[in-house]
Amino acid sequence: MIRINLLPFRAARKKENIRRQVSIFILSVILVVVIMGGIGWLKSQELSSLKERKQRVEAELATYQETIKKIESLEKQIVEITKKLNVIKELEEQKTGPVRLLDQVAMAVPKDKLWLTEFVEKEGRLTLTGTAMDNETVSLYMTELEKADLITDVGFKSARTRTIADQKLRVSDFSLECTTYAHKKEEPAPERKRR
């Protein structure tokens, strides 16, 4: 019978097996290191591009800040100019308003039937006092005043009939009250906002 010594073959197989496992382990470690290095490199590239983007956005934001400051400045100028224009408009109304008001009051007077003796205008309230031939003439005058665009709310205040002794003529003394263009209604106080 022939005896074969298998021990060196088994030892060689064991060494080969160990060598293969070590090689696989080393290759696995190298592969993991390469993968981690690749991921780290990609993340660093991504980080640098994000930093560049952040710088661009901050630079763009800075230009917007300048634009916002210019817009705020322009808005302040618009408010100031609007106030000035309103003052000019109000002054023009105050300049031409009384003349137009007198004209409309005079044009509404029926000829040779009504005479005004007093004309008082204060804070947009107009009081007219005068004498008319009769009450119908006063009514006609009130109707004509209501047609005027600068006068509203024509109201009857008082009337009294009297006789002119030397001419034996009956006339009607009257008093009217109106609202004019210059009357400013009281604005309600603004409500406070609740927090």
C-alpha atoms as a PDB file:
ATOM      1  CA  MET A   1       0.000   0.000   0.000  1.00  0.00           C
ATOM      2  CA  ILE A   2       1.161   3.389  -0.907  1.00  0.00           C
ATOM      3  CA  ARG A   3       1.019   6.167   1.561  1.00  0.00           C
ATOM      4  CA  ILE A   4       0.714   9.754   0.408  1.00  0.00           C
ATOM      5  CA  ASN A   5       1.518  12.521   2.750  1.00  0.00           C
ATOM      6  CA  LEU A   6      -1.313  15.027   2.361  1.00  0.00           C
ATOM      7  CA  LEU A   7      -0.169  17.382   5.117  1.00  0.00           C
ATOM      8  CA  PRO A   8       1.901  19.689   2.871  1.00  0.00           C
ATOM      9  CA  PHE A   9      -1.034  19.886   0.448  1.00  0.00           C
ATOM     10  CA  ARG A  10      -3.474  20.769   3.236  1.00  0.00           C
ATOM     11  CA  ALA A  11      -1.071  23.316   4.639  1.00  0.00           C
ATOM     12  CA  ALA A  12      -0.656  24.868   1.204  1.00  0.00           C
ATOM     13  CA  ARG A  13      -4.426  24.938   0.782  1.00  0.00           C
ATOM     14  CA  LYS A  14      -4.841  26.603   4.162  1.00  0.00           C
ATOM     15  CA  LYS A  15      -2.185  29.203   3.291  1.00  0.00           C
ATOM     16  CA  GLU A  16      -3.857  29.828  -0.029  1.00  0.00           C
ATOM     17  CA  ASN A  17      -7.226  30.179   1.699  1.00  0.00           C
ATOM     18  CA  ILE A  18      -5.811  32.636   4.218  1.00  0.00           C
ATOM     19  CA  ARG A  19      -4.058  34.577   1.466  1.00  0.00           C
ATOM     20  CA  ARG A  20      -7.318  34.790  -0.492  1.00  0.00           C
ATOM     21  CA  GLN A  21      -9.269  36.016   2.560  1.00  0.00           C
ATOM     22  CA  VAL A  22      -6.619  38.612   3.379  1.00  0.00           C
ATOM     23  CA  SER A  23      -6.612  39.733  -0.269  1.00  0.00           C
ATOM     24  CA  ILE A  24     -10.413  40.035  -0.252  1.00  0.00           C
ATOM     25  CA  PHE A  25     -10.280  41.947   3.055  1.00  0.00           C
ATOM     26  CA  ILE A  26      -7.565  44.316   1.753  1.00  0.00           C
ATOM     27  CA  LEU A  27      -9.433  44.833  -1.527  1.00  0.00           C
ATOM     28  CA  SER A  28     -12.655  45.450   0.421  1.00  0.00           C
ATOM     29  CA  VAL A  29     -10.882  48.015   2.615  1.00  0.00           C
ATOM     30  CA  ILE A  30      -9.343  49.665  -0.473  1.00  0.00           C
ATOM     31  CA  LEU A  31     -12.739  49.663  -2.194  1.00  0.00           C
ATOM     32  CA  VAL A  32     -14.409  51.215   0.892  1.00  0.00           C
ATOM     33  CA  VAL A  33     -11.644  53.837   1.133  1.00  0.00           C
ATOM     34  CA  VAL A  34     -11.992  54.666  -2.585  1.00  0.00           C
ATOM     35  CA  ILE A  35     -15.784  54.905  -2.283  1.00  0.00           C
ATOM     36  CA  MET A  36     -15.514  57.103   0.844  1.00  0.00           C
ATOM     37  CA  GLY A  37     -12.883  59.245  -0.874  1.00  0.00           C
ATOM     38  CA  GLY A  38     -15.140  59.627  -3.937  1.00  0.00           C
ATOM     39  CA  ILE A  39     -18.121  60.558  -1.797  1.00  0.00           C
ATOM     40  CA  GLY A  40     -15.971  63.012   0.185  1.00  0.00           C
ATOM     41  CA  TRP A  41     -14.665  64.575  -3.034  1.00  0.00           C
ATOM     42  CA  LEU A  42     -18.249  64.893  -4.438  1.00  0.00           C
ATOM     43  CA  LYS A  43     -19.468  66.441  -1.181  1.00  0.00           C
ATOM     44  CA  SER A  44     -16.560  68.910  -1.142  1.00  0.00           C
ATOM     45  CA  GLN A  45     -17.377  69.881  -4.760  1.00  0.00           C
ATOM     46  CA  GLU A  46     -21.036  70.279  -3.821  1.00  0.00           C
ATOM     47  CA  LEU A  47     -20.068  72.350  -0.776  1.00  0.00           C
ATOM     48  CA  SER A  48     -17.819  74.635  -2.815  1.00  0.00           C
ATOM     49  CA  SER A  49     -20.566  75.141  -5.441  1.00  0.00           C
ATOM     50  CA  LEU A  50     -23.048  75.935  -2.648  1.00  0.00           C
ATOM     51  CA  LYS A  51     -20.596  78.464  -1.179  1.00  0.00           C
ATOM     52  CA  GLU A  52     -20.222  80.108  -4.593  1.00  0.00           C
ATOM     53  CA  ARG A  53     -23.998  80.174  -4.989  1.00  0.00           C
ATOM     54  CA  LYS A  54     -24.396  81.681  -1.512  1.00  0.00           C
ATOM     55  CA  GLN A  55     -21.905  84.429  -2.411  1.00  0.00           C
ATOM     56  CA  ARG A  56     -23.777  85.167  -5.672  1.00  0.00           C
ATOM     57  CA  VAL A  57     -27.121  85.291  -3.843  1.00  0.00           C
ATOM     58  CA  GLU A  58     -25.685  87.586  -1.154  1.00  0.00           C
ATOM     59  CA  ALA A  59     -24.247  89.884  -3.837  1.00  0.00           C
ATOM     60  CA  GLU A  60     -27.607  89.917  -5.632  1.00  0.00           C
ATOM     61  CA  LEU A  61     -29.387  90.572  -2.335  1.00  0.00           C
ATOM     62  CA  ALA A  62     -27.076  93.514  -1.692  1.00  0.00           C
ATOM     63  CA  THR A  63     -28.092  95.050  -5.035  1.00  0.00           C
ATOM     64  CA  TYR A  64     -31.743  94.506  -4.093  1.00  0.00           C
ATOM     65  CA  GLN A  65     -31.156  96.255  -0.772  1.00  0.00           C
ATOM     66  CA  GLU A  66     -29.949  99.322  -2.666  1.00  0.00           C
ATOM     67  CA  THR A  67     -33.017  99.141  -4.886  1.00  0.00           C
ATOM     68  CA  ILE A  68     -35.294  98.785  -1.850  1.00  0.00           C
ATOM     69  CA  LYS A  69     -33.704 101.873  -0.277  1.00  0.00           C
ATOM     70  CA  LYS A  70     -34.287 103.810  -3.498  1.00  0.00           C
ATOM     71  CA  ILE A  71     -37.924 102.633  -3.610  1.00  0.00           C
ATOM     72  CA  GLU A  72     -38.486 103.676   0.024  1.00  0.00           C
ATOM     73  CA  SER A  73     -36.968 107.062  -0.740  1.00  0.00           C
ATOM     74  CA  LEU A  74     -39.227 107.439  -3.784  1.00  0.00           C
ATOM     75  CA  GLU A  75     -42.290 106.440  -1.738  1.00  0.00           C
ATOM     76  CA  LYS A  76     -41.462 109.150   0.809  1.00  0.00           C
ATOM     77  CA  GLN A  77     -41.097 111.670  -2.018  1.00  0.00           C
ATOM     78  CA  ILE A  78     -44.450 110.560  -3.487  1.00  0.00           C
ATOM     79  CA  VAL A  79     -46.150 111.090  -0.106  1.00  0.00           C
ATOM     80  CA  GLU A  80     -44.588 114.544   0.244  1.00  0.00           C
ATOM     81  CA  ILE A  81     -45.521 115.547  -3.308  1.00  0.00           C
ATOM     82  CA  THR A  82     -49.077 114.258  -2.812  1.00  0.00           C
ATOM     83  CA  LYS A  83     -49.400 116.367   0.345  1.00  0.00           C
ATOM     84  CA  LYS A  84     -48.102 119.416  -1.513  1.00  0.00           C
ATOM     85  CA  LEU A  85     -50.491 118.815  -4.414  1.00  0.00           C
ATOM     86  CA  ASN A  86     -53.412 118.478  -1.988  1.00  0.00           C
ATOM     87  CA  VAL A  87     -52.441 121.769  -0.348  1.00  0.00           C
ATOM     88  CA  ILE A  88     -52.225 123.442  -3.766  1.00  0.00           C
ATOM     89  CA  LYS A  89     -55.612 122.006  -4.755  1.00  0.00           C
ATOM     90  CA  GLU A  90     -57.155 123.192  -1.498  1.00  0.00           C
ATOM     91  CA  LEU A  91     -55.668 126.680  -1.965  1.00  0.00           C
ATOM     92  CA  GLU A  92     -57.050 126.844  -5.511  1.00  0.00           C
ATOM     93  CA  GLU A  93     -60.491 125.814  -4.249  1.00  0.00           C
ATOM     94  CA  GLN A  94     -60.304 128.450  -1.522  1.00  0.00           C
ATOM     95  CA  LYS A  95     -59.221 131.014  -4.091  1.00  0.00           C
ATOM     96  CA  THR A  96     -61.943 130.404  -6.662  1.00  0.00           C
ATOM     97  CA  GLY A  97     -64.579 128.858  -4.405  1.00  0.00           C
ATOM     98  CA  PRO A  98     -65.895 132.034  -2.732  1.00  0.00           C
ATOM     99  CA  VAL A  99     -66.182 133.867  -6.055  1.00  0.00           C
ATOM    100  CA  ARG A 100     -68.113 130.972  -7.629  1.00  0.00           C
ATOM    101  CA  LEU A 101     -70.285 130.693  -4.497  1.00  0.00           C
ATOM    102  CA  LEU A 102     -71.206 134.405  -4.658  1.00  0.00           C
ATOM    103  CA  ASP A 103     -71.927 134.039  -8.362  1.00  0.00           C
ATOM    104  CA  GLN A 104     -74.252 131.063  -7.824  1.00  0.00           C
ATOM    105  CA  VAL A 105     -76.079 132.798  -4.960  1.00  0.00           C
ATOM    106  CA  ALA A 106     -76.523 135.927  -7.094  1.00  0.00           C
ATOM    107  CA  MET A 107     -77.632 134.029 -10.216  1.00  0.00           C
ATOM    108  CA  ALA A 108     -80.345 132.210  -8.233  1.00  0.00           C
ATOM    109  CA  VAL A 109     -81.972 135.466  -7.079  1.00  0.00           C
ATOM    110  CA  PRO A 110     -85.295 136.169  -8.912  1.00  0.00           C
ATOM    111  CA  LYS A 111     -85.020 139.628 -10.499  1.00  0.00           C
ATOM    112  CA  ASP A 112     -86.964 142.473  -8.857  1.00  0.00           C
ATOM    113  CA  LYS A 113     -88.743 140.065  -6.475  1.00  0.00           C
ATOM    114  CA  LEU A 114     -86.077 139.222  -3.882  1.00  0.00           C
ATOM    115  CA  TRP A 115     -83.312 141.211  -2.166  1.00  0.00           C
ATOM    116  CA  LEU A 116     -80.565 139.787   0.015  1.00  0.00           C
ATOM    117  CA  THR A 117     -79.665 141.834   3.074  1.00  0.00           C
ATOM    118  CA  GLU A 118     -77.162 139.549   4.740  1.00  0.00           C
ATOM    119  CA  PHE A 119     -74.747 136.859   3.531  1.00  0.00           C
ATOM    120  CA  VAL A 120     -72.782 134.983   6.218  1.00  0.00           C
ATOM    121  CA  GLU A 121     -70.558 131.954   5.460  1.00  0.00           C
ATOM    122  CA  LYS A 122     -68.663 130.263   8.269  1.00  0.00           C
ATOM    123  CA  GLU A 123     -66.993 126.828   8.173  1.00  0.00           C
ATOM    124  CA  GLY A 124     -69.096 125.683   5.247  1.00  0.00           C
ATOM    125  CA  ARG A 125     -72.436 126.854   6.688  1.00  0.00           C
ATOM    126  CA  LEU A 126     -74.095 129.657   4.713  1.00  0.00           C
ATOM    127  CA  THR A 127     -76.856 131.851   6.162  1.00  0.00           C
ATOM    128  CA  LEU A 128     -78.809 134.044   3.756  1.00  0.00           C
ATOM    129  CA  THR A 129     -81.168 136.732   5.037  1.00  0.00           C
ATOM    130  CA  GLY A 130     -83.326 138.933   2.838  1.00  0.00           C
ATOM    131  CA  THR A 131     -86.702 140.227   1.779  1.00  0.00           C
ATOM    132  CA  ALA A 132     -88.998 138.831  -0.925  1.00  0.00           C
ATOM    133  CA  MET A 133     -92.253 139.931  -2.457  1.00  0.00           C
ATOM    134  CA  ASP A 134     -94.002 136.770  -1.210  1.00  0.00           C
ATOM    135  CA  ASN A 135     -93.387 133.245   0.139  1.00  0.00           C
ATOM    136  CA  GLU A 136     -93.579 131.703  -3.357  1.00  0.00           C
ATOM    137  CA  THR A 137     -90.571 133.807  -4.383  1.00  0.00           C
ATOM    138  CA  VAL A 138     -88.629 132.450  -1.374  1.00  0.00           C
ATOM    139  CA  SER A 139     -89.605 128.923  -2.411  1.00  0.00           C
ATOM    140  CA  LEU A 140     -88.459 129.614  -5.991  1.00  0.00           C
ATOM    141  CA  TYR A 141     -85.145 130.987  -4.658  1.00  0.00           C
ATOM    142  CA  MET A 142     -84.593 127.863  -2.533  1.00  0.00           C
ATOM    143  CA  THR A 143     -85.247 125.659  -5.594  1.00  0.00           C
ATOM    144  CA  GLU A 144     -82.690 127.629  -7.651  1.00  0.00           C
ATOM    145  CA  LEU A 145     -80.116 127.412  -4.837  1.00  0.00           C
ATOM    146  CA  GLU A 146     -80.488 123.617  -4.744  1.00  0.00           C
ATOM    147  CA  LYS A 147     -79.537 123.485  -8.436  1.00  0.00           C
ATOM    148  CA  ALA A 148     -76.165 125.140  -7.697  1.00  0.00           C
ATOM    149  CA  ASP A 149     -73.230 122.734  -7.532  1.00  0.00           C
ATOM    150  CA  LEU A 150     -71.466 124.455  -4.608  1.00  0.00           C
ATOM    151  CA  ILE A 151     -74.550 124.559  -2.360  1.00  0.00           C
ATOM    152  CA  THR A 152     -76.349 121.628  -0.753  1.00  0.00           C
ATOM    153  CA  ASP A 153     -78.927 121.065   1.972  1.00  0.00           C
ATOM    154  CA  VAL A 154     -80.878 124.300   1.516  1.00  0.00           C
ATOM    155  CA  GLY A 155     -83.055 124.699   4.587  1.00  0.00           C
ATOM    156  CA  PHE A 156     -85.707 127.160   5.676  1.00  0.00           C
ATOM    157  CA  LYS A 157     -84.754 128.896   8.923  1.00  0.00           C
ATOM    158  CA  SER A 158     -87.461 131.520   9.415  1.00  0.00           C
ATOM    159  CA  ALA A 159     -89.969 133.746   7.635  1.00  0.00           C
ATOM    160  CA  ARG A 160     -92.036 136.719   8.722  1.00  0.00           C
ATOM    161  CA  THR A 161     -94.521 138.760   6.774  1.00  0.00           C
ATOM    162  CA  ARG A 162     -94.548 142.515   7.273  1.00  0.00           C
ATOM    163  CA  THR A 163     -96.176 145.504   5.674  1.00  0.00           C
ATOM    164  CA  ILE A 164     -94.282 148.474   4.330  1.00  0.00           C
ATOM    165  CA  ALA A 165     -96.404 151.310   5.692  1.00  0.00           C
ATOM    166  CA  ASP A 166     -95.771 154.099   3.188  1.00  0.00           C
ATOM    167  CA  GLN A 167     -96.382 151.848   0.140  1.00  0.00           C
ATOM    168  CA  LYS A 168     -99.030 149.534   1.632  1.00  0.00           C
ATOM    169  CA  LEU A 169     -97.076 146.581   0.360  1.00  0.00           C
ATOM    170  CA  ARG A 170     -96.763 143.184   2.096  1.00  0.00           C
ATOM    171  CA  VAL A 171     -93.315 141.591   1.951  1.00  0.00           C
ATOM    172  CA  SER A 172     -91.771 138.475   3.476  1.00  0.00           C
ATOM    173  CA  ASP A 173     -88.530 138.656   5.467  1.00  0.00           C
ATOM    174  CA  PHE A 174     -86.775 135.295   5.386  1.00  0.00           C
ATOM    175  CA  SER A 175     -83.682 133.474   6.555  1.00  0.00           C
ATOM    176  CA  LEU A 176     -82.210 130.384   4.856  1.00  0.00           C
ATOM    177  CA  GLU A 177     -79.409 128.073   5.916  1.00  0.00           C
ATOM    178  CA  CYS A 178     -77.297 126.022   3.462  1.00  0.00           C
ATOM    179  CA  THR A 179     -74.208 123.844   3.358  1.00  0.00           C
ATOM    180  CA  THR A 180     -71.444 124.905   0.970  1.00  0.00           C
ATOM    181  CA  TYR A 181     -68.488 123.201  -0.722  1.00  0.00           C
ATOM    182  CA  ALA A 182     -66.217 124.284   2.163  1.00  0.00           C
ATOM    183  CA  HIS A 183     -68.139 122.274   4.766  1.00  0.00           C
ATOM    184  CA  LYS A 184     -66.022 119.449   6.156  1.00  0.00           C
ATOM    185  CA  LYS A 185     -67.878 116.555   7.674  1.00  0.00           C
ATOM    186  CA  GLU A 186     -66.492 115.240  10.906  1.00  0.00           C
ATOM    187  CA  GLU A 187     -64.632 112.039  10.198  1.00  0.00           C
ATOM    188  CA  PRO A 188     -65.097 109.235  12.710  1.00  0.00           C
ATOM    189  CA  ALA A 189     -62.064 108.437  14.798  1.00  0.00           C
ATOM    190  CA  PRO A 190     -60.120 105.499  13.358  1.00  0.00           C
ATOM    191  CA  GLU A 191     -60.569 102.278  15.261  1.00  0.00           C
ATOM    192  CA  ARG A 192     -57.566 100.953  17.085  1.00  0.00           C
ATOM    193  CA  LYS A 193     -56.229  97.669  15.849  1.00  0.00           C
ATOM    194  CA  ARG A 194     -56.398  94.857  18.331  1.00  0.00           C
ATOM    195  CA  ARG A 195     -53.253  92.900  18.911  1.00  0.00           C
END
